[in-house]
Structure formats: C-alpha cells, structure tokens
Protein backbone atom coordinates (compact mmCIF):
# COMPACT_ATOMS: atom_id res chain seq x y z
CA MET A 1 -241.95 4.85 65.19
CA ALA A 2 -240.71 8.38 65.32
CA THR A 3 -238.41 7.93 68.12
CA ASN A 4 -236.07 5.85 65.60
CA LEU A 5 -235.86 8.79 63.18
CA GLN A 6 -233.42 10.62 65.26
CA ALA A 7 -229.75 10.53 64.05
CA PRO A 8 -227.19 9.45 66.47
CA PRO A 9 -225.23 12.14 68.39
CA VAL A 10 -221.90 13.40 66.75
CA ALA A 11 -219.26 10.81 67.68
CA PRO A 12 -216.58 12.35 70.12
CA LEU A 13 -213.08 12.57 69.68
CA ALA A 14 -211.22 9.44 70.84
CA GLU A 15 -208.07 11.43 71.74
CA LYS A 16 -206.92 15.05 71.58
CA LEU A 17 -206.94 16.60 68.14
CA LYS A 18 -203.69 18.14 67.31
CA PRO A 19 -203.39 20.84 64.37
CA MET A 20 -201.10 18.44 62.37
CA LYS A 21 -203.89 16.01 62.21
CA LEU A 22 -205.77 18.54 60.29
CA LYS A 23 -203.30 19.00 57.59
CA SER A 24 -204.24 17.02 54.39
CA ASP A 25 -201.85 15.15 52.07
CA LYS A 26 -202.21 17.98 49.48
CA HIS A 27 -199.32 20.28 49.29
CA PRO A 28 -200.39 23.88 48.95
CA ASP A 29 -199.18 25.60 45.86
CA TRP A 30 -199.74 29.25 46.70
CA CYS A 31 -197.06 31.75 45.85
CA PRO A 32 -194.06 32.02 48.41
CA GLY A 33 -194.94 34.57 51.01
CA CYS A 34 -198.80 34.47 50.41
CA GLY A 35 -201.17 35.19 53.42
CA ASP A 36 -203.14 32.16 52.58
CA PHE A 37 -200.59 29.84 54.28
CA GLY A 38 -201.22 31.69 57.62
CA ILE A 39 -204.85 31.65 57.48
CA THR A 40 -204.94 27.90 56.52
CA ASN A 41 -202.87 27.18 59.48
CA ALA A 42 -204.93 29.32 61.69
CA ILE A 43 -208.21 27.54 60.47
CA GLN A 44 -206.57 24.32 61.60
CA GLN A 45 -205.41 25.46 64.80
CA ALA A 46 -208.70 27.05 65.61
CA ILE A 47 -210.44 23.71 64.97
CA SER A 48 -208.05 21.92 67.16
CA ASN A 49 -208.32 24.54 70.00
CA LEU A 50 -212.09 23.82 70.02
CA GLN A 51 -211.66 20.15 69.55
CA LEU A 52 -214.08 19.90 66.84
CA PRO A 53 -214.44 16.36 65.34
CA PRO A 54 -213.20 16.69 61.74
CA TRP A 55 -215.94 14.32 60.53
CA ASN A 56 -218.58 17.08 61.72
CA VAL A 57 -216.61 19.95 60.12
CA HIS A 58 -218.00 20.96 56.66
CA PHE A 59 -215.51 23.34 55.05
CA PHE A 60 -216.98 25.14 51.89
CA THR A 61 -214.93 27.47 49.58
CA GLY A 62 -215.69 29.42 46.25
CA VAL A 63 -213.24 30.13 43.49
CA GLY A 64 -209.91 31.91 43.57
CA CYS A 65 -206.67 31.25 45.47
CA SER A 66 -208.81 30.94 48.68
CA GLY A 67 -210.88 28.31 47.00
CA LYS A 68 -208.06 25.80 47.39
CA THR A 69 -208.15 25.92 51.13
CA SER A 70 -210.77 23.27 51.35
CA HIS A 71 -208.30 20.86 49.85
CA TYR A 72 -205.77 21.60 52.50
CA VAL A 73 -207.87 20.92 55.67
CA GLN A 74 -208.49 17.34 56.80
CA CYS A 75 -212.34 17.50 57.20
CA TYR A 76 -215.29 17.35 54.67
CA GLY A 77 -214.31 19.99 51.96
CA VAL A 78 -216.70 21.24 49.27
CA HIS A 79 -215.14 23.27 46.60
CA THR A 80 -218.11 25.24 45.10
CA LEU A 81 -218.74 27.78 42.42
CA HIS A 82 -217.41 31.39 42.13
CA GLY A 83 -219.24 33.40 44.65
CA ARG A 84 -221.79 30.58 45.64
CA SER A 85 -219.90 29.15 48.67
CA LEU A 86 -222.39 30.88 51.14
CA ALA A 87 -225.42 29.31 49.19
CA PHE A 88 -224.18 25.99 49.33
CA SER A 89 -223.10 26.16 53.09
CA GLN A 90 -226.38 27.64 54.13
CA GLY A 91 -228.17 24.76 52.47
CA ALA A 92 -226.02 22.08 54.41
CA LYS A 93 -226.27 23.91 57.79
CA VAL A 94 -230.09 24.32 57.53
CA ALA A 95 -230.45 20.52 56.51
CA ASN A 96 -228.12 19.48 59.38
CA PRO A 97 -227.71 21.88 62.00
CA LYS A 98 -225.45 19.56 63.94
CA LEU A 99 -222.70 20.40 61.60
CA ASN A 100 -219.75 22.84 62.24
CA VAL A 101 -219.84 24.77 59.07
CA ILE A 102 -217.02 27.11 57.87
CA VAL A 103 -216.89 28.98 54.64
CA ALA A 104 -213.86 30.65 53.01
CA GLY A 105 -213.65 33.07 50.13
CA GLY A 106 -211.60 35.88 48.76
CA ASP A 107 -212.77 39.59 48.63
CA GLY A 108 -213.53 39.18 44.95
CA ASP A 109 -215.52 35.82 45.47
CA GLY A 110 -217.57 37.14 48.62
CA TYR A 111 -217.85 40.90 48.14
CA GLY A 112 -217.98 40.95 44.24
CA ILE A 113 -219.72 38.19 42.40
CA GLY A 114 -221.01 36.78 45.65
CA ALA A 115 -222.34 39.98 47.24
CA GLY A 116 -225.89 38.95 46.84
CA HIS A 117 -225.41 35.80 48.73
CA PHE A 118 -223.19 37.99 51.27
CA VAL A 119 -226.34 40.12 52.06
CA HIS A 120 -228.89 37.59 52.45
CA ALA A 121 -226.66 35.27 54.57
CA GLY A 122 -226.52 38.17 57.11
CA ARG A 123 -230.34 38.56 57.00
CA ARG A 124 -230.71 34.95 58.10
CA ASN A 125 -228.16 34.77 60.65
CA VAL A 126 -227.45 31.05 60.00
CA ASP A 127 -225.12 29.73 62.64
CA MET A 128 -221.77 29.42 60.67
CA THR A 129 -218.45 31.25 60.06
CA TYR A 130 -217.47 33.03 56.85
CA VAL A 131 -213.66 33.74 56.56
CA VAL A 132 -212.80 36.26 53.78
CA PHE A 133 -209.20 36.39 52.49
CA ASP A 134 -208.83 40.15 51.64
CA ASN A 135 -206.05 41.05 49.44
CA GLU A 136 -207.72 43.83 47.29
CA VAL A 137 -206.84 42.07 44.13
CA TYR A 138 -208.14 39.03 42.07
CA GLY A 139 -205.23 36.92 42.69
CA LEU A 140 -206.12 33.81 40.72
CA THR A 141 -206.74 35.84 37.51
CA LYS A 142 -203.65 38.20 37.47
CA GLY A 143 -204.45 41.04 39.74
CA GLN A 144 -207.41 42.98 38.51
CA ALA A 145 -208.92 45.23 41.29
CA SER A 146 -211.23 43.72 43.58
CA PRO A 147 -214.19 45.41 45.37
CA THR A 148 -211.95 46.14 48.50
CA LEU A 149 -209.16 47.99 46.61
CA PRO A 150 -209.26 51.77 47.49
CA GLU A 151 -209.88 54.36 44.68
CA GLY A 152 -206.64 55.93 43.39
CA ASP A 153 -204.52 53.00 44.26
CA LYS A 154 -202.38 51.43 41.60
CA PRO A 155 -200.79 48.14 42.47
CA LYS A 156 -198.42 46.81 39.90
CA SER A 157 -200.90 44.64 38.34
CA LEU A 158 -202.91 47.67 37.11
CA ALA A 159 -202.06 49.86 34.13
CA ALA A 160 -203.66 52.99 35.72
CA PRO A 161 -204.92 54.04 39.17
CA HIS A 162 -208.26 52.51 40.20
CA VAL A 163 -211.12 54.60 39.59
CA VAL A 164 -213.89 53.02 41.49
CA GLN A 165 -214.69 53.41 45.29
CA PRO A 166 -214.11 50.41 47.42
CA ILE A 167 -216.90 48.56 49.14
CA ASN A 168 -216.99 48.58 53.06
CA PRO A 169 -217.59 44.91 53.90
CA PHE A 170 -218.04 45.76 57.62
CA ALA A 171 -220.74 48.47 57.14
CA LEU A 172 -222.46 46.06 54.82
CA ALA A 173 -222.04 43.20 57.13
CA LEU A 174 -223.68 45.21 60.04
CA ALA A 175 -226.44 46.70 57.90
CA CYS A 176 -227.36 43.11 56.73
CA GLY A 177 -227.52 41.69 60.10
CA TYR A 178 -224.14 39.63 60.79
CA THR A 179 -223.97 39.02 64.32
CA PHE A 180 -220.30 38.59 64.64
CA ILE A 181 -218.00 40.93 62.66
CA ALA A 182 -214.22 40.86 63.16
CA ARG A 183 -211.06 41.63 61.42
CA SER A 184 -207.57 39.91 61.73
CA TYR A 185 -204.29 39.67 60.07
CA ALA A 186 -202.72 36.65 58.13
CA TYR A 187 -199.35 37.07 59.69
CA ASP A 188 -200.56 37.50 63.31
CA ALA A 189 -201.06 33.94 63.98
CA LYS A 190 -202.09 34.24 67.72
CA HIS A 191 -204.68 36.83 67.04
CA LEU A 192 -206.03 35.17 63.95
CA ARG A 193 -206.34 31.79 65.62
CA ALA A 194 -208.12 33.34 68.54
CA THR A 195 -210.51 35.32 66.31
CA LEU A 196 -211.41 32.26 64.33
CA ALA A 197 -212.15 30.38 67.35
CA ALA A 198 -214.33 32.97 68.83
CA ALA A 199 -216.20 33.30 65.39
CA MET A 200 -216.84 29.37 65.49
CA GLU A 201 -218.14 29.40 68.80
CA HIS A 202 -220.43 32.23 68.24
CA LYS A 203 -224.06 31.14 67.65
CA GLY A 204 -225.03 33.18 64.44
CA MET A 205 -223.52 34.38 61.26
CA ALA A 206 -219.95 35.41 61.90
CA LEU A 207 -217.71 37.30 59.36
CA VAL A 208 -214.04 37.26 59.84
CA ASP A 209 -212.13 39.49 57.23
CA VAL A 210 -208.62 38.82 57.19
CA LEU A 211 -206.00 41.07 55.87
CA GLN A 212 -204.12 38.89 53.49
CA PRO A 213 -200.91 40.37 51.68
CA CYS A 214 -200.58 39.06 47.98
CA PRO A 215 -196.91 39.09 47.18
CA THR A 216 -197.49 38.64 43.48
CA TYR A 217 -199.90 41.22 42.43
CA ASN A 218 -200.40 43.71 45.37
CA ASP A 219 -197.23 45.55 45.97
CA LEU A 220 -199.08 48.21 48.06
CA ARG A 221 -200.34 46.28 50.91
CA THR A 222 -197.48 44.08 51.63
CA LYS A 223 -196.32 42.43 54.82
CA SER A 224 -193.75 45.40 55.13
CA PHE A 225 -196.67 47.80 54.78
CA PHE A 226 -198.59 46.25 57.62
CA ASP A 227 -195.31 45.96 59.85
CA GLU A 228 -194.51 49.74 59.51
CA GLU A 229 -195.15 52.37 62.06
CA VAL A 230 -197.29 55.45 61.28
CA THR A 231 -197.17 58.92 63.08
CA VAL A 232 -200.43 59.68 65.13
CA LYS A 233 -200.49 62.99 67.19
CA GLY A 234 -196.89 63.28 66.68
CA SER A 235 -195.98 59.69 67.98
CA PRO A 236 -194.85 56.59 66.05
CA VAL A 237 -197.46 53.87 66.49
CA PRO A 238 -197.78 50.42 64.80
CA ARG A 239 -200.03 50.59 61.78
CA VAL A 240 -201.92 47.46 62.75
CA TYR A 241 -203.22 47.46 66.29
CA TYR A 242 -205.66 45.81 68.55
CA MET A 243 -208.88 47.70 69.08
CA GLU A 244 -209.47 46.35 72.62
CA ASP A 245 -206.00 47.66 73.79
CA GLU A 246 -207.49 51.27 73.17
CA GLY A 247 -210.81 50.64 74.94
CA TYR A 248 -213.09 49.59 72.10
CA ASP A 249 -215.64 46.98 72.97
CA GLY A 250 -218.01 45.99 70.17
CA VAL A 251 -219.88 43.28 72.20
CA VAL A 252 -223.59 43.81 73.09
CA LYS A 253 -223.92 42.41 76.54
CA ASP A 254 -227.81 42.38 76.72
CA SER A 255 -229.40 42.10 73.37
CA THR A 256 -232.86 43.03 74.85
CA ASP A 257 -231.52 46.50 75.85
CA ALA A 258 -232.42 48.63 72.84
CA THR A 259 -230.30 51.54 74.21
CA GLU A 260 -227.14 49.30 74.43
CA VAL A 261 -227.90 47.82 70.97
CA ASN A 262 -228.25 51.23 69.52
CA ASP A 263 -225.10 52.44 71.13
CA LYS A 264 -223.02 49.55 70.06
CA ARG A 265 -224.14 49.84 66.54
CA MET A 266 -223.24 53.38 66.24
CA ALA A 267 -220.08 52.87 67.86
CA ALA A 268 -219.30 50.17 65.29
CA PHE A 269 -220.35 52.24 62.40
CA ASN A 270 -218.19 55.10 63.62
CA LYS A 271 -215.19 52.68 64.08
CA ILE A 272 -215.65 51.21 60.63
CA TYR A 273 -215.82 54.51 58.87
CA GLN A 274 -213.06 56.23 60.96
CA GLN A 275 -210.55 57.80 58.76
CA GLU A 276 -206.96 56.73 59.98
CA GLU A 277 -203.58 55.58 58.77
CA ARG A 278 -203.99 52.60 60.94
CA THR A 279 -206.01 49.35 60.72
CA GLY A 280 -207.68 48.03 63.77
CA LEU A 281 -207.91 44.25 64.53
CA GLY A 282 -210.59 42.71 66.73
CA VAL A 283 -214.23 42.46 67.15
CA TYR A 284 -216.21 45.36 65.52
CA TYR A 285 -219.67 44.02 66.71
CA LYS A 286 -221.08 41.06 68.31
CA ILE A 287 -224.62 40.35 69.43
CA ASP A 288 -226.36 37.20 70.53
CA ILE A 289 -229.81 36.90 69.09
CA PRO A 290 -231.85 34.05 67.75
CA THR A 291 -230.34 32.18 64.59
CA TYR A 292 -232.24 31.23 61.49
CA GLU A 293 -232.44 27.66 62.84
CA ASP A 294 -234.29 28.92 66.18
CA ARG A 295 -236.61 31.08 64.21
CA VAL A 296 -237.50 28.18 62.00
CA LYS A 297 -238.13 25.92 64.96
CA ARG A 298 -240.74 28.23 66.27
CA ASN A 299 -242.79 27.74 63.14
CA LEU A 300 -242.10 24.01 62.89
CA PRO A 301 -241.97 22.67 66.34
CA ILE A 302 -240.94 19.09 65.03
CA LEU A 303 -237.60 20.52 64.22
CA ASN A 304 -236.96 20.97 67.97
CA GLU A 305 -236.87 17.15 68.07
CA TYR A 306 -235.40 16.35 64.58
CA SER A 307 -232.98 17.87 62.04
CA PRO A 308 -234.57 18.33 58.75
CA ILE A 309 -232.37 15.90 57.14
CA ASP A 310 -233.51 13.12 59.69
CA LEU A 311 -237.06 13.49 58.65
CA PRO A 312 -238.69 10.91 56.30
CA TYR A 313 -240.78 13.21 54.14
CA HIS A 314 -242.73 10.35 52.57
CA ASP A 315 -243.32 6.64 53.11
CA ALA A 316 -242.29 3.59 50.75
CA ASP A 317 -245.55 4.42 48.73
CA MET A 318 -244.39 8.13 48.38
CA ASN A 319 -247.34 9.26 50.47
CA PRO A 320 -246.23 12.55 52.47
CA THR A 321 -245.46 11.97 56.11
CA THR A 322 -245.32 15.50 57.22
CA ASP A 323 -247.85 18.10 57.48
CA LEU A 324 -246.58 21.48 56.86
CA THR A 325 -249.91 23.39 56.43
CA ALA A 326 -250.53 26.23 58.54
CA GLY A 327 -247.01 25.89 59.97
CA LYS A 328 -247.99 22.88 62.03
CA GLY A 329 -244.98 20.98 61.07
CA SER A 330 -246.35 17.53 62.62
CA MET A 331 -245.66 14.12 61.62
CA VAL A 332 -248.70 12.24 60.35
CA ILE A 333 -247.13 8.63 60.55
C-alpha cells in the first residue's frame, strides 16, 4: 500500500524553455527606469537557463514594489503579507521538497518588518533562493528610509538627513547561517542572471541582494551613481566591480575543514565591513552543508522515501497512520 503513496516525478519539459515563455500577460506598472524591470527579466532568464519546469517553480513575494514581481513571472506565484514571504515559502518547501522555491522582497520587507523571519530562515538552511530588491527606501509608500539607508544620507524623499545606522544584511546573513551570500546589480543583466542561476542551483538557503536604483525617491543611489568612476590609490576605477577579478574567493571548497571554513568566514566578514567608495559584486560566502530537509530526514527516515505532502496522516476513520514517537517516523498502515 505504501508504494502507491509516492507522488509522480516532476514532469519534464517537452521543449526548450525560452525566457519569453516566462513572461505573464500582466504588464509591469513600475516607474520608468526602475531596477525592478531588470531583476524580473533576470529571474525569468535564470529559470530559462536552468530549464526549470514552470509548473514546479513557486515564486513567493511580500508587500512593496517588489511584491508585484510574482504577478509578472509565468509560474506559480504567491503574493503574501508584508515581511512574511519567507514564512510562507519555507512552509511550502518543507511540505514539498521537490519544488523550486524562489522568494523576492524589498530591503524594507526583508530586513525591516521581516527581519525575524530573515534570521531564522538562515538558521534552518532550507533549500531555496531569496532575492532582495535593495534600493534603501520604501518605494511603495513614498520613500521613507529603509534599514539599508546609510546614516546621514538625505534622498529627496526625506525632510532631513537619516539619523539611524544602516543594517548590514550580509553580516547578519553570515551570522545566521545563510550558505550562499551574493550581491549583484539590477542593470548588469549578465552578472545578475548568472548570480541568480548559481543561487537557484545551490543546495541551501541562498541570499542575493540586488542593488536596485529607485528613480522616484532615491536620487542618491541612481544608475548614474553606480556608473561613475571613483579614485582609488590615485587611479580612476569603476564604482561597481567584480570581486573575483581582484582575487576574492568566498567559496568553501571543503566544509569539513574547520581551518578553511574559519578563514573563509573571516575573509567574508572583512570584505563585508571593508570601508571603500566602491561596491563589490559577486559571491561573498558559499558553503555546502546539510540542508534543513537533510537534517529532518535523519530524524524521520520515512521522509527519505516520501515527501511530507505525500504522506497519509490518517485513514478514512481518522485514525493516525504515522508514528512520530521517539523520532521513529514509521508508517503503521
């Protein structure tokens, strides 16, 4: 009887999936020049590059300008509550580990009201990708300062300079256990597409923080600002640069080597807190360790054979069919 409980494998693609097939019939209504357009296109292109069946991709968003993204990608979209997209998405992934789960939110949605969920998602290391549209303001509610706006900055949406220190999302992510931490830029299509694809392929909790200019409310971090050159040691260099081009490597090669893990973590912290006029793009830290799903299977061996969503927890008479006492996780039918 138990052999009939397993869900069928995910249906494969009948033909090559092109990015255009992932565009929904809803027209994006963001402000002209918004970085959200580039991020959405990159998400569609990353799904296409990995040839993920759209019917197996579940895309969760919170509230804010970024929250609309789930309406514009042709897959299963779930538009959730402010700051709660990680809570909804983790539940879906744990219930059905076969899903390809992508989550998107703004810096206010993820690092502000959703900060508690952000912390514990890292601790669990659920296998999914979290994309944060980081523009330093609350774009949907008229440009209030978000948790990433630097102290002393005064975009045109504020009446006076900001008086609160910014949160460092990468330092928080590293401290909380995220196993893939990267940054990209909304107007660098090639790098963003590749970074998102790498995050989606990673087995574990992946964070991609995307620099996303807000042309309406943040007149400080504009496209022109990111395109500028700055002077470093007497020479002009691009403000936005690729860290790997300068020798930085945040990837742990052997997660069982404590020395290497410690060295990579310290190097990541140093890079994260480095004071410089430039902004580094790329992977700050990556490590392959057991996911939440892997660890749960050790306690409940039956989950090696069935997804939680496939298990019949009771029979027709509502008698329990699963024995979870003492971590046995065995079927009693």
